[in-house]
Amino acid sequence: VIPKKHIASLDDVREEDKELLGYIMFKI
């Protein structure tokens, strides 16, 4: 499962990615 937005790794997650990561966990 990948975001369509390019984020290289967990180390590259930014504040604005919180909603996207929550969405991924919800969809899994």
PDB file of all heavy atoms in Angstrom:
ATOM      1  N   VAL A   1       0.872  -1.175   0.000  1.00  0.00           N
ATOM      2  CA  VAL A   1       0.000   0.000   0.000  1.00  0.00           C
ATOM      3  C   VAL A   1       0.904   1.218   0.000  1.00  0.00           C
ATOM      4  O   VAL A   1       1.759   1.363   0.878  1.00  0.00           O
ATOM      5  CB  VAL A   1      -0.929   0.023   1.229  1.00  0.00           C
ATOM      6  CG1 VAL A   1      -1.832   1.251   1.192  1.00  0.00           C
ATOM      7  CG2 VAL A   1      -1.743  -1.262   1.321  1.00  0.00           C
ATOM      8  N   ILE A   2       0.723   2.093  -0.990  1.00  0.00           N
ATOM      9  CA  ILE A   2       1.570   3.282  -1.098  1.00  0.00           C
ATOM     10  C   ILE A   2       0.707   4.533  -1.280  1.00  0.00           C
ATOM     11  O   ILE A   2      -0.363   4.474  -1.869  1.00  0.00           O
ATOM     12  CB  ILE A   2       2.569   3.186  -2.278  1.00  0.00           C
ATOM     13  CG1 ILE A   2       1.841   3.199  -3.636  1.00  0.00           C
ATOM     14  CG2 ILE A   2       3.446   1.950  -2.148  1.00  0.00           C
ATOM     15  CD1 ILE A   2       2.766   3.397  -4.827  1.00  0.00           C
ATOM     16  N   PRO A   3       1.203   5.655  -0.772  1.00  0.00           N
ATOM     17  CA  PRO A   3       0.540   6.913  -1.114  1.00  0.00           C
ATOM     18  C   PRO A   3       0.902   7.294  -2.542  1.00  0.00           C
ATOM     19  O   PRO A   3       2.008   6.990  -3.008  1.00  0.00           O
ATOM     20  CB  PRO A   3       1.135   7.907  -0.111  1.00  0.00           C
ATOM     21  CG  PRO A   3       2.488   7.351   0.219  1.00  0.00           C
ATOM     22  CD  PRO A   3       2.354   5.857   0.119  1.00  0.00           C
ATOM     23  N   LYS A   4      -0.007   7.909  -3.244  1.00  0.00           N
ATOM     24  CA  LYS A   4       0.316   8.387  -4.590  1.00  0.00           C
ATOM     25  C   LYS A   4       1.280   9.570  -4.527  1.00  0.00           C
ATOM     26  O   LYS A   4       2.061   9.777  -5.449  1.00  0.00           O
ATOM     27  CB  LYS A   4      -0.960   8.748  -5.349  1.00  0.00           C
ATOM     28  CG  LYS A   4      -1.756   7.503  -5.714  1.00  0.00           C
ATOM     29  CD  LYS A   4      -2.933   7.821  -6.587  1.00  0.00           C
ATOM     30  CE  LYS A   4      -3.598   6.534  -7.058  1.00  0.00           C
ATOM     31  NZ  LYS A   4      -4.753   6.820  -7.921  1.00  0.00           N
ATOM     32  N   LYS A   5       1.258  10.288  -3.436  1.00  0.00           N
ATOM     33  CA  LYS A   5       2.229  11.364  -3.215  1.00  0.00           C
ATOM     34  C   LYS A   5       3.574  10.716  -2.898  1.00  0.00           C
ATOM     35  O   LYS A   5       3.651   9.801  -2.077  1.00  0.00           O
ATOM     36  CB  LYS A   5       1.779  12.231  -2.040  1.00  0.00           C
ATOM     37  CG  LYS A   5       2.782  13.286  -1.633  1.00  0.00           C
ATOM     38  CD  LYS A   5       2.347  14.027  -0.378  1.00  0.00           C
ATOM     39  CE  LYS A   5       3.399  15.050   0.027  1.00  0.00           C
ATOM     40  NZ  LYS A   5       3.028  15.747   1.266  1.00  0.00           N
ATOM     41  N   HIS A   6       4.631  11.189  -3.520  1.00  0.00           N
ATOM     42  CA  HIS A   6       5.945  10.638  -3.227  1.00  0.00           C
ATOM     43  C   HIS A   6       6.438  11.131  -1.871  1.00  0.00           C
ATOM     44  O   HIS A   6       6.612  12.323  -1.647  1.00  0.00           O
ATOM     45  CB  HIS A   6       6.976  11.004  -4.296  1.00  0.00           C
ATOM     46  CG  HIS A   6       8.312  10.387  -4.019  1.00  0.00           C
ATOM     47  ND1 HIS A   6       8.610   9.100  -4.381  1.00  0.00           N
ATOM     48  CD2 HIS A   6       9.391  10.858  -3.364  1.00  0.00           C
ATOM     49  CE1 HIS A   6       9.833   8.809  -3.969  1.00  0.00           C
ATOM     50  NE2 HIS A   6      10.334   9.861  -3.352  1.00  0.00           N
ATOM     51  N   ILE A   7       6.610  10.175  -0.960  1.00  0.00           N
ATOM     52  CA  ILE A   7       7.258  10.397   0.333  1.00  0.00           C
ATOM     53  C   ILE A   7       8.301   9.291   0.410  1.00  0.00           C
ATOM     54  O   ILE A   7       7.963   8.111   0.304  1.00  0.00           O
ATOM     55  CB  ILE A   7       6.261  10.287   1.505  1.00  0.00           C
ATOM     56  CG1 ILE A   7       5.109  11.278   1.346  1.00  0.00           C
ATOM     57  CG2 ILE A   7       6.976  10.482   2.836  1.00  0.00           C
ATOM     58  CD1 ILE A   7       3.966  11.077   2.328  1.00  0.00           C
ATOM     59  N   ALA A   8       9.555   9.637   0.563  1.00  0.00           N
ATOM     60  CA  ALA A   8      10.625   8.644   0.455  1.00  0.00           C
ATOM     61  C   ALA A   8      10.598   7.599   1.573  1.00  0.00           C
ATOM     62  O   ALA A   8      10.844   6.424   1.318  1.00  0.00           O
ATOM     63  CB  ALA A   8      11.987   9.334   0.418  1.00  0.00           C
ATOM     64  N   SER A   9      10.290   8.004   2.800  1.00  0.00           N
ATOM     65  CA  SER A   9      10.306   7.068   3.925  1.00  0.00           C
ATOM     66  C   SER A   9       9.562   7.697   5.094  1.00  0.00           C
ATOM     67  O   SER A   9       9.151   8.861   5.039  1.00  0.00           O
ATOM     68  CB  SER A   9      11.745   6.751   4.338  1.00  0.00           C
ATOM     69  OG  SER A   9      12.328   7.865   4.989  1.00  0.00           O
ATOM     70  N   LEU A  10       9.432   6.945   6.169  1.00  0.00           N
ATOM     71  CA  LEU A  10       8.826   7.506   7.374  1.00  0.00           C
ATOM     72  C   LEU A  10       9.608   8.700   7.893  1.00  0.00           C
ATOM     73  O   LEU A  10       9.039   9.614   8.485  1.00  0.00           O
ATOM     74  CB  LEU A  10       8.711   6.431   8.461  1.00  0.00           C
ATOM     75  CG  LEU A  10       7.605   5.406   8.243  1.00  0.00           C
ATOM     76  CD1 LEU A  10       7.732   4.256   9.241  1.00  0.00           C
ATOM     77  CD2 LEU A  10       6.234   6.041   8.336  1.00  0.00           C
ATOM     78  N   ASP A  11      10.917   8.708   7.660  1.00  0.00           N
ATOM     79  CA  ASP A  11      11.742   9.837   8.084  1.00  0.00           C
ATOM     80  C   ASP A  11      11.424  11.119   7.311  1.00  0.00           C
ATOM     81  O   ASP A  11      11.820  12.203   7.729  1.00  0.00           O
ATOM     82  CB  ASP A  11      13.228   9.523   7.926  1.00  0.00           C
ATOM     83  CG  ASP A  11      13.721   8.520   8.944  1.00  0.00           C
ATOM     84  OD1 ASP A  11      13.063   8.350   9.997  1.00  0.00           O
ATOM     85  OD2 ASP A  11      14.775   7.902   8.703  1.00  0.00           O
ATOM     86  N   ASP A  12      10.739  10.995   6.192  1.00  0.00           N
ATOM     87  CA  ASP A  12      10.425  12.143   5.346  1.00  0.00           C
ATOM     88  C   ASP A  12       8.979  12.620   5.492  1.00  0.00           C
ATOM     89  O   ASP A  12       8.556  13.527   4.779  1.00  0.00           O
ATOM     90  CB  ASP A  12      10.728  11.799   3.888  1.00  0.00           C
ATOM     91  CG  ASP A  12      12.196  11.515   3.684  1.00  0.00           C
ATOM     92  OD1 ASP A  12      13.000  12.450   3.821  1.00  0.00           O
ATOM     93  OD2 ASP A  12      12.545  10.348   3.420  1.00  0.00           O
ATOM     94  N   VAL A  13       8.232  12.019   6.399  1.00  0.00           N
ATOM     95  CA  VAL A  13       6.860  12.441   6.646  1.00  0.00           C
ATOM     96  C   VAL A  13       6.883  13.826   7.287  1.00  0.00           C
ATOM     97  O   VAL A  13       7.698  14.104   8.169  1.00  0.00           O
ATOM     98  CB  VAL A  13       6.146  11.423   7.568  1.00  0.00           C
ATOM     99  CG1 VAL A  13       4.801  11.945   8.023  1.00  0.00           C
ATOM    100  CG2 VAL A  13       5.984  10.085   6.860  1.00  0.00           C
ATOM    101  N   ARG A  14       6.006  14.686   6.822  1.00  0.00           N
ATOM    102  CA  ARG A  14       5.911  16.053   7.327  1.00  0.00           C
ATOM    103  C   ARG A  14       4.557  16.271   8.005  1.00  0.00           C
ATOM    104  O   ARG A  14       3.640  15.478   7.855  1.00  0.00           O
ATOM    105  CB  ARG A  14       6.078  17.067   6.177  1.00  0.00           C
ATOM    106  CG  ARG A  14       7.410  16.942   5.447  1.00  0.00           C
ATOM    107  CD  ARG A  14       8.547  17.379   6.363  1.00  0.00           C
ATOM    108  NE  ARG A  14       9.842  17.119   5.761  1.00  0.00           N
ATOM    109  CZ  ARG A  14      10.738  16.260   6.229  1.00  0.00           C
ATOM    110  NH1 ARG A  14      10.479  15.543   7.292  1.00  0.00           N
ATOM    111  NH2 ARG A  14      11.903  16.090   5.642  1.00  0.00           N
ATOM    112  N   GLU A  15       4.448  17.358   8.708  1.00  0.00           N
ATOM    113  CA  GLU A  15       3.208  17.709   9.402  1.00  0.00           C
ATOM    114  C   GLU A  15       1.995  17.621   8.466  1.00  0.00           C
ATOM    115  O   GLU A  15       0.947  17.109   8.851  1.00  0.00           O
ATOM    116  CB  GLU A  15       3.340  19.132   9.976  1.00  0.00           C
ATOM    117  CG  GLU A  15       2.138  19.622  10.730  1.00  0.00           C
ATOM    118  CD  GLU A  15       2.046  19.110  12.159  1.00  0.00           C
ATOM    119  OE1 GLU A  15       3.080  18.675  12.702  1.00  0.00           O
ATOM    120  OE2 GLU A  15       0.939  19.141  12.713  1.00  0.00           O
ATOM    121  N   GLU A  16       2.155  18.084   7.245  1.00  0.00           N
ATOM    122  CA  GLU A  16       1.023  18.082   6.308  1.00  0.00           C
ATOM    123  C   GLU A  16       0.652  16.681   5.817  1.00  0.00           C
ATOM    124  O   GLU A  16      -0.372  16.508   5.164  1.00  0.00           O
ATOM    125  CB  GLU A  16       1.303  18.999   5.108  1.00  0.00           C
ATOM    126  CG  GLU A  16       2.457  18.559   4.224  1.00  0.00           C
ATOM    127  CD  GLU A  16       3.795  19.180   4.573  1.00  0.00           C
ATOM    128  OE1 GLU A  16       3.957  19.758   5.661  1.00  0.00           O
ATOM    129  OE2 GLU A  16       4.694  19.079   3.721  1.00  0.00           O
ATOM    130  N   ASP A  17       1.449  15.669   6.160  1.00  0.00           N
ATOM    131  CA  ASP A  17       1.167  14.285   5.740  1.00  0.00           C
ATOM    132  C   ASP A  17       0.381  13.500   6.788  1.00  0.00           C
ATOM    133  O   ASP A  17       0.023  12.347   6.538  1.00  0.00           O
ATOM    134  CB  ASP A  17       2.483  13.551   5.441  1.00  0.00           C
ATOM    135  CG  ASP A  17       3.266  14.200   4.319  1.00  0.00           C
ATOM    136  OD1 ASP A  17       2.646  14.639   3.331  1.00  0.00           O
ATOM    137  OD2 ASP A  17       4.508  14.266   4.436  1.00  0.00           O
ATOM    138  N   LYS A  18       0.101  14.094   7.950  1.00  0.00           N
ATOM    139  CA  LYS A  18      -0.585  13.365   9.025  1.00  0.00           C
ATOM    140  C   LYS A  18      -1.921  12.796   8.572  1.00  0.00           C
ATOM    141  O   LYS A  18      -2.223  11.637   8.850  1.00  0.00           O
ATOM    142  CB  LYS A  18      -0.817  14.271  10.240  1.00  0.00           C
ATOM    143  CG  LYS A  18       0.416  14.571  11.028  1.00  0.00           C
ATOM    144  CD  LYS A  18       0.149  15.252  12.352  1.00  0.00           C
ATOM    145  CE  LYS A  18      -0.849  16.362  12.299  1.00  0.00           C
ATOM    146  NZ  LYS A  18      -0.971  17.097  13.573  1.00  0.00           N
ATOM    147  N   GLU A  19      -2.710  13.584   7.879  1.00  0.00           N
ATOM    148  CA  GLU A  19      -4.019  13.114   7.439  1.00  0.00           C
ATOM    149  C   GLU A  19      -3.878  11.962   6.441  1.00  0.00           C
ATOM    150  O   GLU A  19      -4.611  10.974   6.517  1.00  0.00           O
ATOM    151  CB  GLU A  19      -4.810  14.264   6.808  1.00  0.00           C
ATOM    152  CG  GLU A  19      -6.222  13.866   6.434  1.00  0.00           C
ATOM    153  CD  GLU A  19      -7.024  15.035   5.899  1.00  0.00           C
ATOM    154  OE1 GLU A  19      -6.909  16.150   6.446  1.00  0.00           O
ATOM    155  OE2 GLU A  19      -7.762  14.819   4.926  1.00  0.00           O
ATOM    156  N   LEU A  20      -2.919  12.065   5.529  1.00  0.00           N
ATOM    157  CA  LEU A  20      -2.690  11.006   4.548  1.00  0.00           C
ATOM    158  C   LEU A  20      -2.275   9.705   5.232  1.00  0.00           C
ATOM    159  O   LEU A  20      -2.779   8.633   4.900  1.00  0.00           O
ATOM    160  CB  LEU A  20      -1.629  11.440   3.533  1.00  0.00           C
ATOM    161  CG  LEU A  20      -1.213  10.408   2.488  1.00  0.00           C
ATOM    162  CD1 LEU A  20      -2.399   9.933   1.652  1.00  0.00           C
ATOM    163  CD2 LEU A  20      -0.099  10.971   1.609  1.00  0.00           C
ATOM    164  N   LEU A  21      -1.379   9.777   6.210  1.00  0.00           N
ATOM    165  CA  LEU A  21      -0.957   8.562   6.906  1.00  0.00           C
ATOM    166  C   LEU A  21      -2.096   7.944   7.710  1.00  0.00           C
ATOM    167  O   LEU A  21      -2.243   6.718   7.734  1.00  0.00           O
ATOM    168  CB  LEU A  21       0.257   8.833   7.793  1.00  0.00           C
ATOM    169  CG  LEU A  21       1.575   8.511   7.107  1.00  0.00           C
ATOM    170  CD1 LEU A  21       1.812   9.334   5.877  1.00  0.00           C
ATOM    171  CD2 LEU A  21       2.709   8.577   8.064  1.00  0.00           C
ATOM    172  N   GLY A  22      -2.893   8.768   8.329  1.00  0.00           N
ATOM    173  CA  GLY A  22      -4.077   8.256   9.025  1.00  0.00           C
ATOM    174  C   GLY A  22      -5.033   7.588   8.055  1.00  0.00           C
ATOM    175  O   GLY A  22      -5.605   6.533   8.351  1.00  0.00           O
ATOM    176  N   TYR A  23      -5.189   8.172   6.887  1.00  0.00           N
ATOM    177  CA  TYR A  23      -6.054   7.602   5.861  1.00  0.00           C
ATOM    178  C   TYR A  23      -5.538   6.226   5.423  1.00  0.00           C
ATOM    179  O   TYR A  23      -6.306   5.281   5.286  1.00  0.00           O
ATOM    180  CB  TYR A  23      -6.119   8.565   4.665  1.00  0.00           C
ATOM    181  CG  TYR A  23      -7.003   8.077   3.552  1.00  0.00           C
ATOM    182  CD1 TYR A  23      -8.385   8.195   3.645  1.00  0.00           C
ATOM    183  CD2 TYR A  23      -6.467   7.495   2.416  1.00  0.00           C
ATOM    184  CE1 TYR A  23      -9.205   7.743   2.616  1.00  0.00           C
ATOM    185  CE2 TYR A  23      -7.271   7.040   1.394  1.00  0.00           C
ATOM    186  CZ  TYR A  23      -8.643   7.165   1.504  1.00  0.00           C
ATOM    187  OH  TYR A  23      -9.447   6.705   0.501  1.00  0.00           O
ATOM    188  N   ILE A  24      -4.228   6.119   5.215  1.00  0.00           N
ATOM    189  CA  ILE A  24      -3.640   4.839   4.818  1.00  0.00           C
ATOM    190  C   ILE A  24      -3.933   3.784   5.882  1.00  0.00           C
ATOM    191  O   ILE A  24      -4.372   2.674   5.564  1.00  0.00           O
ATOM    192  CB  ILE A  24      -2.125   4.979   4.575  1.00  0.00           C
ATOM    193  CG1 ILE A  24      -1.862   5.831   3.328  1.00  0.00           C
ATOM    194  CG2 ILE A  24      -1.466   3.608   4.438  1.00  0.00           C
ATOM    195  CD1 ILE A  24      -0.407   6.249   3.158  1.00  0.00           C
ATOM    196  N   MET A  25      -3.688   4.105   7.145  1.00  0.00           N
ATOM    197  CA  MET A  25      -3.937   3.139   8.215  1.00  0.00           C
ATOM    198  C   MET A  25      -5.404   2.743   8.267  1.00  0.00           C
ATOM    199  O   MET A  25      -5.735   1.577   8.476  1.00  0.00           O
ATOM    200  CB  MET A  25      -3.511   3.713   9.572  1.00  0.00           C
ATOM    201  CG  MET A  25      -2.014   3.911   9.727  1.00  0.00           C
ATOM    202  SD  MET A  25      -1.096   2.355   9.704  1.00  0.00           S
ATOM    203  CE  MET A  25      -0.326   2.452   8.110  1.00  0.00           C
ATOM    204  N   PHE A  26      -6.296   3.695   8.057  1.00  0.00           N
ATOM    205  CA  PHE A  26      -7.724   3.408   8.039  1.00  0.00           C
ATOM    206  C   PHE A  26      -8.083   2.470   6.887  1.00  0.00           C
ATOM    207  O   PHE A  26      -8.858   1.528   7.056  1.00  0.00           O
ATOM    208  CB  PHE A  26      -8.515   4.719   7.928  1.00  0.00           C
ATOM    209  CG  PHE A  26      -9.989   4.505   7.813  1.00  0.00           C
ATOM    210  CD1 PHE A  26     -10.741   4.162   8.927  1.00  0.00           C
ATOM    211  CD2 PHE A  26     -10.628   4.636   6.589  1.00  0.00           C
ATOM    212  CE1 PHE A  26     -12.110   3.949   8.821  1.00  0.00           C
ATOM    213  CE2 PHE A  26     -11.993   4.429   6.479  1.00  0.00           C
ATOM    214  CZ  PHE A  26     -12.739   4.087   7.594  1.00  0.00           C
ATOM    215  N   LYS A  27      -7.504   2.702   5.711  1.00  0.00           N
ATOM    216  CA  LYS A  27      -7.837   1.899   4.536  1.00  0.00           C
ATOM    217  C   LYS A  27      -7.223   0.503   4.579  1.00  0.00           C
ATOM    218  O   LYS A  27      -7.758  -0.425   3.983  1.00  0.00           O
ATOM    219  CB  LYS A  27      -7.411   2.609   3.245  1.00  0.00           C
ATOM    220  CG  LYS A  27      -8.148   3.890   2.954  1.00  0.00           C
ATOM    221  CD  LYS A  27      -9.648   3.719   2.922  1.00  0.00           C
ATOM    222  CE  LYS A  27     -10.144   3.166   1.611  1.00  0.00           C
ATOM    223  NZ  LYS A  27     -11.616   3.186   1.489  1.00  0.00           N
ATOM    224  N   ILE A  28      -6.109   0.322   5.283  1.00  0.00           N
ATOM    225  CA  ILE A  28      -5.460  -0.990   5.323  1.00  0.00           C
ATOM    226  C   ILE A  28      -6.415  -2.057   5.841  1.00  0.00           C
ATOM    227  O   ILE A  28      -6.475  -3.152   5.275  1.00  0.00           O
ATOM    228  CB  ILE A  28      -4.147  -0.938   6.128  1.00  0.00           C
ATOM    229  CG1 ILE A  28      -3.041  -0.310   5.252  1.00  0.00           C
ATOM    230  CG2 ILE A  28      -3.728  -2.323   6.609  1.00  0.00           C
ATOM    231  CD1 ILE A  28      -1.721  -0.086   5.951  1.00  0.00           C
TER     232      ILE A  28
END
